[in-house]
PDB file of all heavy atoms in Angstrom:
ATOM      1  N   LEU A   1       1.941  -1.335   5.691  1.00  0.00           N
ATOM      2  CA  LEU A   1       2.770  -1.085   4.531  1.00  0.00           C
ATOM      3  C   LEU A   1       2.281   0.201   3.886  1.00  0.00           C
ATOM      4  O   LEU A   1       1.092   0.330   3.592  1.00  0.00           O
ATOM      5  CB  LEU A   1       2.678  -2.233   3.523  1.00  0.00           C
ATOM      6  CG  LEU A   1       3.056  -3.631   4.024  1.00  0.00           C
ATOM      7  CD1 LEU A   1       2.844  -4.651   2.900  1.00  0.00           C
ATOM      8  CD2 LEU A   1       4.495  -3.662   4.504  1.00  0.00           C
ATOM      9  N   VAL A   2       3.184   1.134   3.671  1.00  0.00           N
ATOM     10  CA  VAL A   2       2.815   2.427   3.119  1.00  0.00           C
ATOM     11  C   VAL A   2       3.665   2.723   1.896  1.00  0.00           C
ATOM     12  O   VAL A   2       4.882   2.861   2.000  1.00  0.00           O
ATOM     13  CB  VAL A   2       2.975   3.550   4.152  1.00  0.00           C
ATOM     14  CG1 VAL A   2       2.564   4.889   3.538  1.00  0.00           C
ATOM     15  CG2 VAL A   2       2.131   3.269   5.384  1.00  0.00           C
ATOM     16  N   GLU A   3       3.005   2.838   0.740  1.00  0.00           N
ATOM     17  CA  GLU A   3       3.691   3.158  -0.501  1.00  0.00           C
ATOM     18  C   GLU A   3       3.855   4.663  -0.659  1.00  0.00           C
ATOM     19  O   GLU A   3       3.034   5.444  -0.177  1.00  0.00           O
ATOM     20  CB  GLU A   3       2.923   2.621  -1.714  1.00  0.00           C
ATOM     21  CG  GLU A   3       2.686   1.118  -1.701  1.00  0.00           C
ATOM     22  CD  GLU A   3       1.331   0.750  -1.144  1.00  0.00           C
ATOM     23  OE1 GLU A   3       0.759   1.549  -0.366  1.00  0.00           O
ATOM     24  OE2 GLU A   3       0.827  -0.336  -1.485  1.00  0.00           O
ATOM     25  N   SER A   4       4.896   5.047  -1.363  1.00  0.00           N
ATOM     26  CA  SER A   4       5.110   6.441  -1.700  1.00  0.00           C
ATOM     27  C   SER A   4       5.918   6.515  -2.989  1.00  0.00           C
ATOM     28  O   SER A   4       6.482   5.521  -3.434  1.00  0.00           O
ATOM     29  CB  SER A   4       5.836   7.182  -0.573  1.00  0.00           C
ATOM     30  OG  SER A   4       7.117   6.627  -0.339  1.00  0.00           O
ATOM     31  N   GLY A   5       5.962   7.691  -3.575  1.00  0.00           N
ATOM     32  CA  GLY A   5       6.766   7.904  -4.769  1.00  0.00           C
ATOM     33  C   GLY A   5       5.989   7.928  -6.065  1.00  0.00           C
ATOM     34  O   GLY A   5       6.569   8.174  -7.130  1.00  0.00           O
ATOM     35  N   GLY A   6       4.703   7.676  -6.002  1.00  0.00           N
ATOM     36  CA  GLY A   6       3.900   7.723  -7.206  1.00  0.00           C
ATOM     37  C   GLY A   6       3.721   9.145  -7.690  1.00  0.00           C
ATOM     38  O   GLY A   6       4.015  10.110  -6.989  1.00  0.00           O
ATOM     39  N   GLY A   7       3.244   9.267  -8.914  1.00  0.00           N
ATOM     40  CA  GLY A   7       3.036  10.578  -9.494  1.00  0.00           C
ATOM     41  C   GLY A   7       2.823  10.476 -10.976  1.00  0.00           C
ATOM     42  O   GLY A   7       2.569   9.400 -11.521  1.00  0.00           O
ATOM     43  N   SER A   8       2.926  11.614 -11.633  1.00  0.00           N
ATOM     44  CA  SER A   8       2.744  11.699 -13.075  1.00  0.00           C
ATOM     45  C   SER A   8       4.084  11.923 -13.762  1.00  0.00           C
ATOM     46  O   SER A   8       4.887  12.741 -13.317  1.00  0.00           O
ATOM     47  CB  SER A   8       1.782  12.835 -13.412  1.00  0.00           C
ATOM     48  OG  SER A   8       1.541  12.907 -14.799  1.00  0.00           O
ATOM     49  N   VAL A   9       4.308  11.189 -14.839  1.00  0.00           N
ATOM     50  CA  VAL A   9       5.568  11.277 -15.564  1.00  0.00           C
ATOM     51  C   VAL A   9       5.313  11.096 -17.057  1.00  0.00           C
ATOM     52  O   VAL A   9       4.338  10.447 -17.455  1.00  0.00           O
ATOM     53  CB  VAL A   9       6.562  10.218 -15.038  1.00  0.00           C
ATOM     54  CG1 VAL A   9       6.066   8.809 -15.354  1.00  0.00           C
ATOM     55  CG2 VAL A   9       7.953  10.445 -15.592  1.00  0.00           C
ATOM     56  N   GLN A  10       6.173  11.657 -17.870  1.00  0.00           N
ATOM     57  CA  GLN A  10       6.055  11.508 -19.317  1.00  0.00           C
ATOM     58  C   GLN A  10       6.598  10.155 -19.771  1.00  0.00           C
ATOM     59  O   GLN A  10       7.439   9.560 -19.094  1.00  0.00           O
ATOM     60  CB  GLN A  10       6.808  12.626 -20.026  1.00  0.00           C
ATOM     61  CG  GLN A  10       6.210  14.004 -19.810  1.00  0.00           C
ATOM     62  CD  GLN A  10       6.951  15.080 -20.561  1.00  0.00           C
ATOM     63  OE1 GLN A  10       8.158  15.017 -20.741  1.00  0.00           O
ATOM     64  NE2 GLN A  10       6.217  16.089 -21.015  1.00  0.00           N
ATOM     65  N   PRO A  11       6.119   9.657 -20.900  1.00  0.00           N
ATOM     66  CA  PRO A  11       6.675   8.415 -21.431  1.00  0.00           C
ATOM     67  C   PRO A  11       8.191   8.498 -21.557  1.00  0.00           C
ATOM     68  O   PRO A  11       8.733   9.512 -22.000  1.00  0.00           O
ATOM     69  CB  PRO A  11       6.007   8.290 -22.798  1.00  0.00           C
ATOM     70  CG  PRO A  11       4.712   9.013 -22.640  1.00  0.00           C
ATOM     71  CD  PRO A  11       5.022  10.178 -21.733  1.00  0.00           C
ATOM     72  N   GLY A  12       8.848   7.427 -21.162  1.00  0.00           N
ATOM     73  CA  GLY A  12      10.296   7.394 -21.175  1.00  0.00           C
ATOM     74  C   GLY A  12      10.929   7.859 -19.886  1.00  0.00           C
ATOM     75  O   GLY A  12      12.140   7.688 -19.686  1.00  0.00           O
ATOM     76  N   GLY A  13      10.123   8.417 -19.010  1.00  0.00           N
ATOM     77  CA  GLY A  13      10.622   8.913 -17.749  1.00  0.00           C
ATOM     78  C   GLY A  13      10.783   7.823 -16.708  1.00  0.00           C
ATOM     79  O   GLY A  13      10.552   6.643 -16.977  1.00  0.00           O
ATOM     80  N   SER A  14      11.158   8.245 -15.510  1.00  0.00           N
ATOM     81  CA  SER A  14      11.428   7.307 -14.426  1.00  0.00           C
ATOM     82  C   SER A  14      10.740   7.730 -13.141  1.00  0.00           C
ATOM     83  O   SER A  14      10.510   8.919 -12.898  1.00  0.00           O
ATOM     84  CB  SER A  14      12.934   7.205 -14.165  1.00  0.00           C
ATOM     85  OG  SER A  14      13.634   6.718 -15.292  1.00  0.00           O
ATOM     86  N   LEU A  15      10.420   6.752 -12.330  1.00  0.00           N
ATOM     87  CA  LEU A  15       9.906   6.963 -10.996  1.00  0.00           C
ATOM     88  C   LEU A  15      10.480   5.890 -10.087  1.00  0.00           C
ATOM     89  O   LEU A  15      10.785   4.784 -10.538  1.00  0.00           O
ATOM     90  CB  LEU A  15       8.380   6.889 -10.949  1.00  0.00           C
ATOM     91  CG  LEU A  15       7.564   8.068 -11.472  1.00  0.00           C
ATOM     92  CD1 LEU A  15       6.080   7.707 -11.475  1.00  0.00           C
ATOM     93  CD2 LEU A  15       7.797   9.306 -10.624  1.00  0.00           C
ATOM     94  N   ARG A  16      10.597   6.227  -8.830  1.00  0.00           N
ATOM     95  CA  ARG A  16      11.049   5.265  -7.832  1.00  0.00           C
ATOM     96  C   ARG A  16      10.001   5.168  -6.735  1.00  0.00           C
ATOM     97  O   ARG A  16       9.747   6.138  -6.018  1.00  0.00           O
ATOM     98  CB  ARG A  16      12.389   5.681  -7.231  1.00  0.00           C
ATOM     99  CG  ARG A  16      13.016   4.617  -6.326  1.00  0.00           C
ATOM    100  CD  ARG A  16      14.138   5.213  -5.511  1.00  0.00           C
ATOM    101  NE  ARG A  16      14.967   4.214  -4.863  1.00  0.00           N
ATOM    102  CZ  ARG A  16      15.628   4.412  -3.735  1.00  0.00           C
ATOM    103  NH1 ARG A  16      15.572   5.586  -3.122  1.00  0.00           N
ATOM    104  NH2 ARG A  16      16.373   3.437  -3.227  1.00  0.00           N
ATOM    105  N   LEU A  17       9.402   4.014  -6.611  1.00  0.00           N
ATOM    106  CA  LEU A  17       8.418   3.776  -5.576  1.00  0.00           C
ATOM    107  C   LEU A  17       9.083   3.184  -4.340  1.00  0.00           C
ATOM    108  O   LEU A  17      10.041   2.423  -4.441  1.00  0.00           O
ATOM    109  CB  LEU A  17       7.334   2.813  -6.064  1.00  0.00           C
ATOM    110  CG  LEU A  17       6.587   3.186  -7.346  1.00  0.00           C
ATOM    111  CD1 LEU A  17       5.499   2.158  -7.622  1.00  0.00           C
ATOM    112  CD2 LEU A  17       6.008   4.587  -7.257  1.00  0.00           C
ATOM    113  N   SER A  18       8.546   3.545  -3.192  1.00  0.00           N
ATOM    114  CA  SER A  18       9.021   2.998  -1.936  1.00  0.00           C
ATOM    115  C   SER A  18       7.851   2.419  -1.165  1.00  0.00           C
ATOM    116  O   SER A  18       6.714   2.872  -1.301  1.00  0.00           O
ATOM    117  CB  SER A  18       9.702   4.076  -1.083  1.00  0.00           C
ATOM    118  OG  SER A  18      10.824   4.618  -1.735  1.00  0.00           O
ATOM    119  N   CYS A  19       8.130   1.434  -0.357  1.00  0.00           N
ATOM    120  CA  CYS A  19       7.129   0.834   0.512  1.00  0.00           C
ATOM    121  C   CYS A  19       7.774   0.603   1.863  1.00  0.00           C
ATOM    122  O   CYS A  19       8.667  -0.237   1.996  1.00  0.00           O
ATOM    123  CB  CYS A  19       6.618  -0.481  -0.080  1.00  0.00           C
ATOM    124  SG  CYS A  19       5.493  -1.395   1.000  1.00  0.00           S
ATOM    125  N   ALA A  20       7.324   1.347   2.849  1.00  0.00           N
ATOM    126  CA  ALA A  20       7.880   1.250   4.188  1.00  0.00           C
ATOM    127  C   ALA A  20       7.012   0.348   5.053  1.00  0.00           C
ATOM    128  O   ALA A  20       5.798   0.548   5.142  1.00  0.00           O
ATOM    129  CB  ALA A  20       7.996   2.632   4.813  1.00  0.00           C
ATOM    130  N   ALA A  21       7.635  -0.621   5.673  1.00  0.00           N
ATOM    131  CA  ALA A  21       6.938  -1.534   6.568  1.00  0.00           C
ATOM    132  C   ALA A  21       7.136  -1.093   8.007  1.00  0.00           C
ATOM    133  O   ALA A  21       8.240  -0.732   8.411  1.00  0.00           O
ATOM    134  CB  ALA A  21       7.447  -2.955   6.388  1.00  0.00           C
ATOM    135  N   SER A  22       6.075  -1.124   8.767  1.00  0.00           N
ATOM    136  CA  SER A  22       6.159  -0.769  10.173  1.00  0.00           C
ATOM    137  C   SER A  22       5.465  -1.825  11.021  1.00  0.00           C
ATOM    138  O   SER A  22       4.671  -2.622  10.525  1.00  0.00           O
ATOM    139  CB  SER A  22       5.548   0.607  10.433  1.00  0.00           C
ATOM    140  OG  SER A  22       4.159   0.617  10.122  1.00  0.00           O
ATOM    141  N   GLY A  23       5.770  -1.793  12.308  1.00  0.00           N
ATOM    142  CA  GLY A  23       5.258  -2.786  13.233  1.00  0.00           C
ATOM    143  C   GLY A  23       6.418  -3.432  13.958  1.00  0.00           C
ATOM    144  O   GLY A  23       7.372  -3.891  13.321  1.00  0.00           O
ATOM    145  N   SER A  24       6.342  -3.466  15.251  1.00  0.00           N
ATOM    146  CA  SER A  24       7.465  -3.945  16.056  1.00  0.00           C
ATOM    147  C   SER A  24       7.805  -5.408  15.806  1.00  0.00           C
ATOM    148  O   SER A  24       8.947  -5.830  16.017  1.00  0.00           O
ATOM    149  CB  SER A  24       7.174  -3.729  17.541  1.00  0.00           C
ATOM    150  OG  SER A  24       6.011  -4.427  17.950  1.00  0.00           O
ATOM    151  N   THR A  25       6.838  -6.168  15.344  1.00  0.00           N
ATOM    152  CA  THR A  25       7.068  -7.590  15.113  1.00  0.00           C
ATOM    153  C   THR A  25       7.142  -7.955  13.637  1.00  0.00           C
ATOM    154  O   THR A  25       7.109  -9.137  13.289  1.00  0.00           O
ATOM    155  CB  THR A  25       5.965  -8.432  15.778  1.00  0.00           C
ATOM    156  OG1 THR A  25       4.692  -8.100  15.218  1.00  0.00           O
ATOM    157  CG2 THR A  25       5.935  -8.182  17.281  1.00  0.00           C
ATOM    158  N   PHE A  26       7.259  -6.948  12.785  1.00  0.00           N
ATOM    159  CA  PHE A  26       7.256  -7.229  11.354  1.00  0.00           C
ATOM    160  C   PHE A  26       8.466  -8.042  10.924  1.00  0.00           C
ATOM    161  O   PHE A  26       9.603  -7.718  11.258  1.00  0.00           O
ATOM    162  CB  PHE A  26       7.218  -5.933  10.548  1.00  0.00           C
ATOM    163  CG  PHE A  26       7.267  -6.165   9.059  1.00  0.00           C
ATOM    164  CD1 PHE A  26       6.130  -6.531   8.364  1.00  0.00           C
ATOM    165  CD2 PHE A  26       8.469  -6.052   8.362  1.00  0.00           C
ATOM    166  CE1 PHE A  26       6.174  -6.762   6.998  1.00  0.00           C
ATOM    167  CE2 PHE A  26       8.519  -6.279   6.999  1.00  0.00           C
ATOM    168  CZ  PHE A  26       7.368  -6.637   6.319  1.00  0.00           C
ATOM    169  N   SER A  27       8.200  -9.079  10.183  1.00  0.00           N
ATOM    170  CA  SER A  27       9.230  -9.847   9.511  1.00  0.00           C
ATOM    171  C   SER A  27       8.582 -10.471   8.291  1.00  0.00           C
ATOM    172  O   SER A  27       7.371 -10.685   8.255  1.00  0.00           O
ATOM    173  CB  SER A  27       9.838 -10.915  10.427  1.00  0.00           C
ATOM    174  OG  SER A  27       8.854 -11.827  10.881  1.00  0.00           O
ATOM    175  N   THR A  28       9.392 -10.760   7.283  1.00  0.00           N
ATOM    176  CA  THR A  28       8.815 -11.218   6.036  1.00  0.00           C
ATOM    177  C   THR A  28       9.730 -12.211   5.321  1.00  0.00           C
ATOM    178  O   THR A  28      10.953 -12.166   5.471  1.00  0.00           O
ATOM    179  CB  THR A  28       8.516 -10.025   5.109  1.00  0.00           C
ATOM    180  OG1 THR A  28       7.902 -10.479   3.901  1.00  0.00           O
ATOM    181  CG2 THR A  28       9.801  -9.261   4.763  1.00  0.00           C
ATOM    182  N   GLU A  29       9.114 -13.074   4.559  1.00  0.00           N
ATOM    183  CA  GLU A  29       9.850 -13.996   3.698  1.00  0.00           C
ATOM    184  C   GLU A  29      10.153 -13.351   2.353  1.00  0.00           C
ATOM    185  O   GLU A  29      11.197 -13.590   1.755  1.00  0.00           O
ATOM    186  CB  GLU A  29       9.045 -15.275   3.469  1.00  0.00           C
ATOM    187  CG  GLU A  29       8.757 -16.082   4.713  1.00  0.00           C
ATOM    188  CD  GLU A  29       9.928 -16.903   5.177  1.00  0.00           C
ATOM    189  OE1 GLU A  29      10.959 -16.966   4.454  1.00  0.00           O
ATOM    190  OE2 GLU A  29       9.844 -17.499   6.268  1.00  0.00           O
ATOM    191  N   ALA A  30       9.199 -12.547   1.897  1.00  0.00           N
ATOM    192  CA  ALA A  30       9.337 -11.925   0.590  1.00  0.00           C
ATOM    193  C   ALA A  30       8.377 -10.756   0.483  1.00  0.00           C
ATOM    194  O   ALA A  30       7.371 -10.687   1.192  1.00  0.00           O
ATOM    195  CB  ALA A  30       9.053 -12.933  -0.524  1.00  0.00           C
ATOM    196  N   MET A  31       8.695  -9.851  -0.409  1.00  0.00           N
ATOM    197  CA  MET A  31       7.797  -8.751  -0.700  1.00  0.00           C
ATOM    198  C   MET A  31       7.667  -8.607  -2.207  1.00  0.00           C
ATOM    199  O   MET A  31       8.506  -9.097  -2.963  1.00  0.00           O
ATOM    200  CB  MET A  31       8.284  -7.447  -0.068  1.00  0.00           C
ATOM    201  CG  MET A  31       8.280  -7.476   1.456  1.00  0.00           C
ATOM    202  SD  MET A  31       8.683  -5.875   2.220  1.00  0.00           S
ATOM    203  CE  MET A  31       7.180  -4.943   1.867  1.00  0.00           C
ATOM    204  N   GLY A  32       6.603  -7.941  -2.614  1.00  0.00           N
ATOM    205  CA  GLY A  32       6.376  -7.804  -4.032  1.00  0.00           C
ATOM    206  C   GLY A  32       5.566  -6.576  -4.382  1.00  0.00           C
ATOM    207  O   GLY A  32       5.043  -5.883  -3.513  1.00  0.00           O
ATOM    208  N   TRP A  33       5.510  -6.327  -5.669  1.00  0.00           N
ATOM    209  CA  TRP A  33       4.709  -5.237  -6.218  1.00  0.00           C
ATOM    210  C   TRP A  33       3.665  -5.783  -7.177  1.00  0.00           C
ATOM    211  O   TRP A  33       3.961  -6.654  -8.009  1.00  0.00           O
ATOM    212  CB  TRP A  33       5.586  -4.229  -6.966  1.00  0.00           C
ATOM    213  CG  TRP A  33       6.495  -3.416  -6.100  1.00  0.00           C
ATOM    214  CD1 TRP A  33       7.805  -3.652  -5.828  1.00  0.00           C
ATOM    215  CD2 TRP A  33       6.148  -2.213  -5.403  1.00  0.00           C
ATOM    216  NE1 TRP A  33       8.304  -2.677  -5.008  1.00  0.00           N
ATOM    217  CE2 TRP A  33       7.316  -1.782  -4.727  1.00  0.00           C
ATOM    218  CE3 TRP A  33       4.984  -1.466  -5.280  1.00  0.00           C
ATOM    219  CZ2 TRP A  33       7.347  -0.630  -3.942  1.00  0.00           C
ATOM    220  CZ3 TRP A  33       5.002  -0.321  -4.502  1.00  0.00           C
ATOM    221  CH2 TRP A  33       6.174   0.087  -3.841  1.00  0.00           C
ATOM    222  N   PHE A  34       2.458  -5.263  -7.058  1.00  0.00           N
ATOM    223  CA  PHE A  34       1.378  -5.545  -7.979  1.00  0.00           C
ATOM    224  C   PHE A  34       0.818  -4.224  -8.474  1.00  0.00           C
ATOM    225  O   PHE A  34       1.064  -3.177  -7.879  1.00  0.00           O
ATOM    226  CB  PHE A  34       0.265  -6.357  -7.302  1.00  0.00           C
ATOM    227  CG  PHE A  34       0.646  -7.777  -6.994  1.00  0.00           C
ATOM    228  CD1 PHE A  34       1.490  -8.072  -5.940  1.00  0.00           C
ATOM    229  CD2 PHE A  34       0.153  -8.821  -7.764  1.00  0.00           C
ATOM    230  CE1 PHE A  34       1.844  -9.378  -5.651  1.00  0.00           C
ATOM    231  CE2 PHE A  34       0.500 -10.135  -7.483  1.00  0.00           C
ATOM    232  CZ  PHE A  34       1.348 -10.413  -6.427  1.00  0.00           C
ATOM    233  N   ARG A  35       0.067  -4.266  -9.549  1.00  0.00           N
ATOM    234  CA  ARG A  35      -0.555  -3.048 -10.047  1.00  0.00           C
ATOM    235  C   ARG A  35      -1.920  -3.355 -10.633  1.00  0.00           C
ATOM    236  O   ARG A  35      -2.200  -4.472 -11.053  1.00  0.00           O
ATOM    237  CB  ARG A  35       0.327  -2.363 -11.095  1.00  0.00           C
ATOM    238  CG  ARG A  35       0.501  -3.147 -12.395  1.00  0.00           C
ATOM    239  CD  ARG A  35       1.517  -2.462 -13.295  1.00  0.00           C
ATOM    240  NE  ARG A  35       1.661  -3.146 -14.576  1.00  0.00           N
ATOM    241  CZ  ARG A  35       2.550  -2.812 -15.496  1.00  0.00           C
ATOM    242  NH1 ARG A  35       3.376  -1.788 -15.285  1.00  0.00           N
ATOM    243  NH2 ARG A  35       2.611  -3.491 -16.644  1.00  0.00           N
ATOM    244  N   GLN A  36      -2.757  -2.330 -10.651  1.00  0.00           N
ATOM    245  CA  GLN A  36      -4.094  -2.481 -11.195  1.00  0.00           C
ATOM    246  C   GLN A  36      -4.474  -1.233 -11.970  1.00  0.00           C
ATOM    247  O   GLN A  36      -4.510  -0.134 -11.417  1.00  0.00           O
ATOM    248  CB  GLN A  36      -5.110  -2.744 -10.085  1.00  0.00           C
ATOM    249  CG  GLN A  36      -6.497  -3.068 -10.600  1.00  0.00           C
ATOM    250  CD  GLN A  36      -7.409  -3.612  -9.520  1.00  0.00           C
ATOM    251  OE1 GLN A  36      -7.219  -3.337  -8.339  1.00  0.00           O
ATOM    252  NE2 GLN A  36      -8.396  -4.392  -9.918  1.00  0.00           N
ATOM    253  N   ALA A  37      -4.735  -1.422 -13.241  1.00  0.00           N
ATOM    254  CA  ALA A  37      -5.180  -0.345 -14.107  1.00  0.00           C
ATOM    255  C   ALA A  37      -6.701  -0.344 -14.172  1.00  0.00           C
ATOM    256  O   ALA A  37      -7.337  -1.375 -13.934  1.00  0.00           O
ATOM    257  CB  ALA A  37      -4.584  -0.513 -15.500  1.00  0.00           C
ATOM    258  N   PRO A  38      -7.302   0.792 -14.505  1.00  0.00           N
ATOM    259  CA  PRO A  38      -8.765   0.847 -14.617  1.00  0.00           C
ATOM    260  C   PRO A  38      -9.298  -0.198 -15.589  1.00  0.00           C
ATOM    261  O   PRO A  38      -8.779  -0.340 -16.699  1.00  0.00           O
ATOM    262  CB  PRO A  38      -9.013   2.260 -15.137  1.00  0.00           C
ATOM    263  CG  PRO A  38      -7.844   3.049 -14.663  1.00  0.00           C
ATOM    264  CD  PRO A  38      -6.683   2.099 -14.757  1.00  0.00           C
ATOM    265  N   GLY A  39     -10.298  -0.934 -15.162  1.00  0.00           N
ATOM    266  CA  GLY A  39     -10.894  -1.947 -16.009  1.00  0.00           C
ATOM    267  C   GLY A  39     -10.095  -3.222 -16.136  1.00  0.00           C
ATOM    268  O   GLY A  39     -10.494  -4.118 -16.890  1.00  0.00           O
TER     269      GLY A  39
END
């Protein structure tokens, strides 16, 4: 799984993150996003 689309933005702005899955046998029931801030 490879994320992309991150960066720096001003408050009120927008970003679109993507996560590309690879692997010939990949299949999934569900996917999700998590985040971790310093501390």
